[in-house]
Each structure stands twice: as structure tokens, then as C-alpha cells.
Amino acid sequence: MHQIPGLGIAMIGSNFQIDQGTIQMIQNNFKITQCFLGQLRYLCLLLLMIDR
């Protein structure tokens, strides 16, 4: 199987752009998740304090 070198590079280039977009989405979701986990931890501590 013989491939055209330029085509492969073009495909990798477009895939990389998609990957960058995906990474950005994951990073944004991760920030939201971190924020959510922080609030969750705070709520757990609050519940523990009330429990005592």
C-alpha cells in the first residue's frame, strides 16, 4: 500500500485541529468539574460539622 505523503500530512493537520478543540473542551469541562468537586467537598464538610 503506497500513500501520498502530502495527503497524510494534511489529514494529520486537520486531525490536530480537531484534537486541539477537543482538548479545549476537556479543559473547560475539567474546570467545571473541579469547581463542582470543590463545592461538593465544602458541602460534605458542612454536613459533617452539622452532624457533630
PDB file of N, CA and C in Angstrom:
ATOM      1  N   MET A   1       0.834  -1.208   0.000  1.00  0.00           N
ATOM      2  CA  MET A   1       0.000   0.000   0.000  1.00  0.00           C
ATOM      3  C   MET A   1       0.869   1.258   0.000  1.00  0.00           C
ATOM      4  N   HIS A   2       0.748   2.048  -1.056  1.00  0.00           N
ATOM      5  CA  HIS A   2       1.581   3.250  -1.163  1.00  0.00           C
ATOM      6  C   HIS A   2       0.725   4.497  -0.964  1.00  0.00           C
ATOM      7  N   GLN A   3       1.125   5.332  -0.029  1.00  0.00           N
ATOM      8  CA  GLN A   3       0.353   6.542   0.251  1.00  0.00           C
ATOM      9  C   GLN A   3       1.056   7.786  -0.256  1.00  0.00           C
ATOM     10  N   ILE A   4       0.280   8.803  -0.569  1.00  0.00           N
ATOM     11  CA  ILE A   4       0.836  10.090  -0.992  1.00  0.00           C
ATOM     12  C   ILE A   4       1.231  10.861   0.279  1.00  0.00           C
ATOM     13  N   PRO A   5       2.510  11.233   0.428  1.00  0.00           N
ATOM     14  CA  PRO A   5       2.986  11.890   1.648  1.00  0.00           C
ATOM     15  C   PRO A   5       2.204  13.148   2.034  1.00  0.00           C
ATOM     16  N   GLY A   6       1.905  14.003   1.057  1.00  0.00           N
ATOM     17  CA  GLY A   6       1.205  15.265   1.324  1.00  0.00           C
ATOM     18  C   GLY A   6      -0.172  15.046   1.932  1.00  0.00           C
ATOM     19  N   LEU A   7      -0.853  14.006   1.456  1.00  0.00           N
ATOM     20  CA  LEU A   7      -2.207  13.712   1.918  1.00  0.00           C
ATOM     21  C   LEU A   7      -2.208  13.352   3.400  1.00  0.00           C
ATOM     22  N   GLY A   8      -1.254  12.521   3.780  1.00  0.00           N
ATOM     23  CA  GLY A   8      -1.136  12.116   5.182  1.00  0.00           C
ATOM     24  C   GLY A   8      -0.906  13.305   6.098  1.00  0.00           C
ATOM     25  N   ILE A   9      -0.031  14.213   5.656  1.00  0.00           N
ATOM     26  CA  ILE A   9       0.276  15.403   6.451  1.00  0.00           C
ATOM     27  C   ILE A   9      -0.972  16.282   6.587  1.00  0.00           C
ATOM     28  N   ALA A  10      -1.723  16.437   5.501  1.00  0.00           N
ATOM     29  CA  ALA A  10      -2.942  17.243   5.518  1.00  0.00           C
ATOM     30  C   ALA A  10      -3.964  16.641   6.486  1.00  0.00           C
ATOM     31  N   MET A  11      -4.076  15.311   6.450  1.00  0.00           N
ATOM     32  CA  MET A  11      -5.010  14.621   7.338  1.00  0.00           C
ATOM     33  C   MET A  11      -4.603  14.796   8.796  1.00  0.00           C
ATOM     34  N   ILE A  12      -3.301  14.645   9.059  1.00  0.00           N
ATOM     35  CA  ILE A  12      -2.784  14.820  10.416  1.00  0.00           C
ATOM     36  C   ILE A  12      -3.047  16.251  10.881  1.00  0.00           C
ATOM     37  N   GLY A  13      -2.856  17.219   9.979  1.00  0.00           N
ATOM     38  CA  GLY A  13      -3.087  18.624  10.292  1.00  0.00           C
ATOM     39  C   GLY A  13      -4.519  18.892  10.711  1.00  0.00           C
ATOM     40  N   SER A  14      -5.484  18.350   9.943  1.00  0.00           N
ATOM     41  CA  SER A  14      -6.890  18.570  10.273  1.00  0.00           C
ATOM     42  C   SER A  14      -7.276  17.833  11.553  1.00  0.00           C
ATOM     43  N   ASN A  15      -6.714  16.645  11.753  1.00  0.00           N
ATOM     44  CA  ASN A  15      -6.971  15.898  12.981  1.00  0.00           C
ATOM     45  C   ASN A  15      -6.437  16.640  14.191  1.00  0.00           C
ATOM     46  N   PHE A  16      -5.293  17.292  14.015  1.00  0.00           N
ATOM     47  CA  PHE A  16      -4.673  18.044  15.105  1.00  0.00           C
ATOM     48  C   PHE A  16      -5.555  19.220  15.507  1.00  0.00           C
ATOM     49  N   GLN A  17      -6.166  19.879  14.519  1.00  0.00           N
ATOM     50  CA  GLN A  17      -7.074  20.990  14.812  1.00  0.00           C
ATOM     51  C   GLN A  17      -8.274  20.495  15.617  1.00  0.00           C
ATOM     52  N   ILE A  18      -8.815  19.348  15.220  1.00  0.00           N
ATOM     53  CA  ILE A  18      -9.944  18.747  15.929  1.00  0.00           C
ATOM     54  C   ILE A  18      -9.519  18.397  17.355  1.00  0.00           C
ATOM     55  N   ASP A  19      -8.321  17.809  17.479  1.00  0.00           N
ATOM     56  CA  ASP A  19      -7.796  17.444  18.795  1.00  0.00           C
ATOM     57  C   ASP A  19      -7.641  18.656  19.697  1.00  0.00           C
ATOM     58  N   GLN A  20      -7.154  19.765  19.148  1.00  0.00           N
ATOM     59  CA  GLN A  20      -6.993  20.989  19.927  1.00  0.00           C
ATOM     60  C   GLN A  20      -8.336  21.472  20.455  1.00  0.00           C
ATOM     61  N   GLY A  21      -9.356  21.414  19.601  1.00  0.00           N
ATOM     62  CA  GLY A  21     -10.704  21.798  20.005  1.00  0.00           C
ATOM     63  C   GLY A  21     -11.226  20.888  21.100  1.00  0.00           C
ATOM     64  N   THR A  22     -10.976  19.594  20.944  1.00  0.00           N
ATOM     65  CA  THR A  22     -11.408  18.603  21.933  1.00  0.00           C
ATOM     66  C   THR A  22     -10.701  18.828  23.259  1.00  0.00           C
ATOM     67  N   ILE A  23      -9.382  19.081  23.194  1.00  0.00           N
ATOM     68  CA  ILE A  23      -8.598  19.332  24.403  1.00  0.00           C
ATOM     69  C   ILE A  23      -9.144  20.550  25.141  1.00  0.00           C
ATOM     70  N   GLN A  24      -9.497  21.593  24.384  1.00  0.00           N
ATOM     71  CA  GLN A  24     -10.040  22.810  24.984  1.00  0.00           C
ATOM     72  C   GLN A  24     -11.366  22.508  25.682  1.00  0.00           C
ATOM     73  N   MET A  25     -12.208  21.696  25.032  1.00  0.00           N
ATOM     74  CA  MET A  25     -13.486  21.299  25.624  1.00  0.00           C
ATOM     75  C   MET A  25     -13.262  20.516  26.908  1.00  0.00           C
ATOM     76  N   ILE A  26     -12.314  19.578  26.870  1.00  0.00           N
ATOM     77  CA  ILE A  26     -11.989  18.765  28.045  1.00  0.00           C
ATOM     78  C   ILE A  26     -11.484  19.659  29.176  1.00  0.00           C
ATOM     79  N   GLN A  27     -10.632  20.634  28.837  1.00  0.00           N
ATOM     80  CA  GLN A  27     -10.099  21.553  29.838  1.00  0.00           C
ATOM     81  C   GLN A  27     -11.219  22.370  30.475  1.00  0.00           C
ATOM     82  N   ASN A  28     -12.158  22.847  29.645  1.00  0.00           N
ATOM     83  CA  ASN A  28     -13.290  23.611  30.167  1.00  0.00           C
ATOM     84  C   ASN A  28     -14.153  22.746  31.073  1.00  0.00           C
ATOM     85  N   ASN A  29     -14.415  21.512  30.643  1.00  0.00           N
ATOM     86  CA  ASN A  29     -15.191  20.574  31.451  1.00  0.00           C
ATOM     87  C   ASN A  29     -14.472  20.254  32.748  1.00  0.00           C
ATOM     88  N   PHE A  30     -13.136  20.155  32.684  1.00  0.00           N
ATOM     89  CA  PHE A  30     -12.330  19.850  33.860  1.00  0.00           C
ATOM     90  C   PHE A  30     -12.421  20.981  34.872  1.00  0.00           C
ATOM     91  N   LYS A  31     -12.418  22.225  34.379  1.00  0.00           N
ATOM     92  CA  LYS A  31     -12.560  23.389  35.256  1.00  0.00           C
ATOM     93  C   LYS A  31     -13.909  23.346  35.959  1.00  0.00           C
ATOM     94  N   ILE A  32     -14.954  23.037  35.199  1.00  0.00           N
ATOM     95  CA  ILE A  32     -16.306  22.933  35.758  1.00  0.00           C
ATOM     96  C   ILE A  32     -16.347  21.813  36.795  1.00  0.00           C
ATOM     97  N   THR A  33     -15.727  20.681  36.466  1.00  0.00           N
ATOM     98  CA  THR A  33     -15.691  19.532  37.373  1.00  0.00           C
ATOM     99  C   THR A  33     -14.947  19.874  38.655  1.00  0.00           C
ATOM    100  N   GLN A  34     -13.799  20.556  38.526  1.00  0.00           N
ATOM    101  CA  GLN A  34     -13.021  20.958  39.697  1.00  0.00           C
ATOM    102  C   GLN A  34     -13.847  21.863  40.597  1.00  0.00           C
ATOM    103  N   CYS A  35     -14.550  22.799  39.990  1.00  0.00           N
ATOM    104  CA  CYS A  35     -15.404  23.733  40.722  1.00  0.00           C
ATOM    105  C   CYS A  35     -16.493  22.953  41.454  1.00  0.00           C
ATOM    106  N   PHE A  36     -17.108  22.017  40.750  1.00  0.00           N
ATOM    107  CA  PHE A  36     -18.174  21.192  41.308  1.00  0.00           C
ATOM    108  C   PHE A  36     -17.664  20.344  42.468  1.00  0.00           C
ATOM    109  N   LEU A  37     -16.485  19.745  42.293  1.00  0.00           N
ATOM    110  CA  LEU A  37     -15.890  18.924  43.350  1.00  0.00           C
ATOM    111  C   LEU A  37     -15.560  19.767  44.572  1.00  0.00           C
ATOM    112  N   GLY A  38     -15.108  20.995  44.332  1.00  0.00           N
ATOM    113  CA  GLY A  38     -14.812  21.920  45.420  1.00  0.00           C
ATOM    114  C   GLY A  38     -16.059  22.220  46.232  1.00  0.00           C
ATOM    115  N   GLN A  39     -17.166  22.465  45.545  1.00  0.00           N
ATOM    116  CA  GLN A  39     -18.441  22.736  46.210  1.00  0.00           C
ATOM    117  C   GLN A  39     -18.927  21.499  46.956  1.00  0.00           C
ATOM    118  N   LEU A  40     -18.727  20.340  46.341  1.00  0.00           N
ATOM    119  CA  LEU A  40     -19.142  19.073  46.936  1.00  0.00           C
ATOM    120  C   LEU A  40     -18.388  18.823  48.236  1.00  0.00           C
ATOM    121  N   ARG A  41     -17.081  19.081  48.212  1.00  0.00           N
ATOM    122  CA  ARG A  41     -16.232  18.914  49.389  1.00  0.00           C
ATOM    123  C   ARG A  41     -16.692  19.858  50.503  1.00  0.00           C
ATOM    124  N   TYR A  42     -17.021  21.082  50.107  1.00  0.00           N
ATOM    125  CA  TYR A  42     -17.494  22.094  51.055  1.00  0.00           C
ATOM    126  C   TYR A  42     -18.805  21.643  51.704  1.00  0.00           C
ATOM    127  N   LEU A  43     -19.704  21.106  50.887  1.00  0.00           N
ATOM    128  CA  LEU A  43     -20.984  20.610  51.394  1.00  0.00           C
ATOM    129  C   LEU A  43     -20.790  19.440  52.350  1.00  0.00           C
ATOM    130  N   CYS A  44     -19.871  18.544  52.012  1.00  0.00           N
ATOM    131  CA  CYS A  44     -19.571  17.391  52.865  1.00  0.00           C
ATOM    132  C   CYS A  44     -19.034  17.848  54.216  1.00  0.00           C
ATOM    133  N   LEU A  45     -18.131  18.814  54.203  1.00  0.00           N
ATOM    134  CA  LEU A  45     -17.572  19.359  55.443  1.00  0.00           C
ATOM    135  C   LEU A  45     -18.669  20.016  56.272  1.00  0.00           C
ATOM    136  N   LEU A  46     -19.550  20.726  55.599  1.00  0.00           N
ATOM    137  CA  LEU A  46     -20.670  21.398  56.261  1.00  0.00           C
ATOM    138  C   LEU A  46     -21.581  20.372  56.937  1.00  0.00           C
ATOM    139  N   LEU A  47     -21.880  19.291  56.226  1.00  0.00           N
ATOM    140  CA  LEU A  47     -22.726  18.220  56.761  1.00  0.00           C
ATOM    141  C   LEU A  47     -22.067  17.543  57.957  1.00  0.00           C
ATOM    142  N   LEU A  48     -20.760  17.337  57.881  1.00  0.00           N
ATOM    143  CA  LEU A  48     -20.021  16.730  58.990  1.00  0.00           C
ATOM    144  C   LEU A  48     -20.066  17.625  60.225  1.00  0.00           C
ATOM    145  N   MET A  49     -19.947  18.929  60.013  1.00  0.00           N
ATOM    146  CA  MET A  49     -19.984  19.888  61.113  1.00  0.00           C
ATOM    147  C   MET A  49     -21.362  19.920  61.765  1.00  0.00           C
ATOM    148  N   ILE A  50     -22.404  19.855  60.933  1.00  0.00           N
ATOM    149  CA  ILE A  50     -23.779  19.845  61.444  1.00  0.00           C
ATOM    150  C   ILE A  50     -24.040  18.547  62.211  1.00  0.00           C
ATOM    151  N   ASP A  51     -23.482  17.451  61.692  1.00  0.00           N
ATOM    152  CA  ASP A  51     -23.670  16.127  62.284  1.00  0.00           C
ATOM    153  C   ASP A  51     -23.130  16.055  63.709  1.00  0.00           C
ATOM    154  N   ARG A  52     -22.038  16.768  63.970  1.00  0.00           N
ATOM    155  CA  ARG A  52     -21.444  16.778  65.299  1.00  0.00           C
ATOM    156  C   ARG A  52     -22.251  17.687  66.176  1.00  0.00           C
TER     157      ARG A  52
END
